[in-house]
Amino acid sequence: MNISVEQIADEALSLPSEARALLADRLVESLDPAEDGYVRQLWVAEAQRRIEDVRSGRVATVAGAEAFAQVRAAIAR
């Protein structure tokens, strides 16, 4: 059996959303754990940068309800 990545992707995209999510989780879990550690380091650095941005006042936070209202308004346009 010799199917291309494109054929696999087409088949996967035809699955219901719950099945696609499960497949995505399984694929991510199969990735190289060493790479996962590097990605985690990048996310930690990003989180620390964002925390510092908020604490220093470079960026302002938005309440969750307000953020959702803004998103709904943008989508409604």
Protein backbone atom coordinates (compact mmCIF):
# COMPACT_ATOMS: atom_id res chain seq x y z
CA MET A 1 0.00 0.00 0.00
CA ASN A 2 1.62 3.23 -1.15
CA ILE A 3 -0.46 6.33 -0.47
CA SER A 4 0.78 9.89 -0.46
CA VAL A 5 0.68 12.33 2.42
CA GLU A 6 -1.79 14.37 0.37
CA GLN A 7 -4.14 11.38 0.10
CA ILE A 8 -3.86 10.74 3.83
CA ALA A 9 -4.58 14.41 4.54
CA ASP A 10 -7.63 14.36 2.25
CA GLU A 11 -8.98 11.30 4.04
CA ALA A 12 -8.24 12.77 7.47
CA LEU A 13 -9.99 16.03 6.61
CA SER A 14 -13.13 14.10 5.69
CA LEU A 15 -13.38 12.70 9.23
CA PRO A 16 -15.73 14.22 11.83
CA SER A 17 -14.08 16.92 13.97
CA GLU A 18 -13.77 14.69 17.04
CA ALA A 19 -11.92 12.04 15.05
CA ARG A 20 -9.64 14.68 13.50
CA ALA A 21 -8.80 15.99 16.98
CA LEU A 22 -7.95 12.48 18.17
CA LEU A 23 -5.79 11.91 15.10
CA ALA A 24 -4.01 15.23 15.63
CA ASP A 25 -3.27 14.31 19.25
CA ARG A 26 -1.84 10.95 18.21
CA LEU A 27 0.33 12.55 15.55
CA VAL A 28 1.68 15.18 17.95
CA GLU A 29 2.41 12.50 20.56
CA SER A 30 4.45 10.60 17.97
CA LEU A 31 6.88 13.48 17.42
CA ASP A 32 10.42 13.37 18.69
CA PRO A 33 10.45 13.99 22.47
CA ALA A 34 13.73 15.93 22.18
CA GLU A 35 12.00 18.35 19.84
CA ASP A 36 9.12 18.59 22.31
CA GLY A 37 11.54 19.76 25.01
CA TYR A 38 12.85 22.48 22.72
CA VAL A 39 9.31 23.59 21.87
CA ARG A 40 8.46 23.69 25.58
CA GLN A 41 11.49 25.92 26.21
CA LEU A 42 10.31 28.28 23.49
CA TRP A 43 6.80 28.46 24.99
CA VAL A 44 8.20 29.10 28.48
CA ALA A 45 10.34 31.95 27.11
CA GLU A 46 7.29 33.36 25.29
CA ALA A 47 5.14 33.14 28.43
CA GLN A 48 7.82 34.88 30.48
CA ARG A 49 8.11 37.63 27.85
CA ARG A 50 4.34 38.15 27.88
CA ILE A 51 4.22 38.28 31.68
CA GLU A 52 6.97 40.90 31.67
CA ASP A 53 5.11 42.90 29.00
CA VAL A 54 2.00 43.02 31.22
CA ARG A 55 3.89 43.76 34.43
CA SER A 56 5.90 46.56 32.83
CA GLY A 57 2.79 48.15 31.32
CA ARG A 58 3.93 47.67 27.70
CA VAL A 59 0.65 45.87 27.05
CA ALA A 60 -2.72 46.11 28.76
CA THR A 61 -4.88 43.17 29.66
CA VAL A 62 -8.48 42.80 28.52
CA ALA A 63 -11.17 41.10 30.59
CA GLY A 64 -12.32 37.80 29.12
CA ALA A 65 -15.92 38.94 28.63
CA GLU A 66 -14.75 42.06 26.81
CA ALA A 67 -12.37 40.04 24.60
CA PHE A 68 -15.19 37.67 23.61
CA ALA A 69 -17.47 40.63 22.89
CA GLN A 70 -14.82 42.12 20.61
CA VAL A 71 -14.40 38.81 18.77
CA ARG A 72 -18.16 38.40 18.34
CA ALA A 73 -18.43 41.96 17.01
CA ALA A 74 -15.59 41.36 14.56
CA ILE A 75 -17.16 38.13 13.32
CA ALA A 76 -20.59 39.76 12.90
CA ARG A 77 -19.21 42.34 10.46
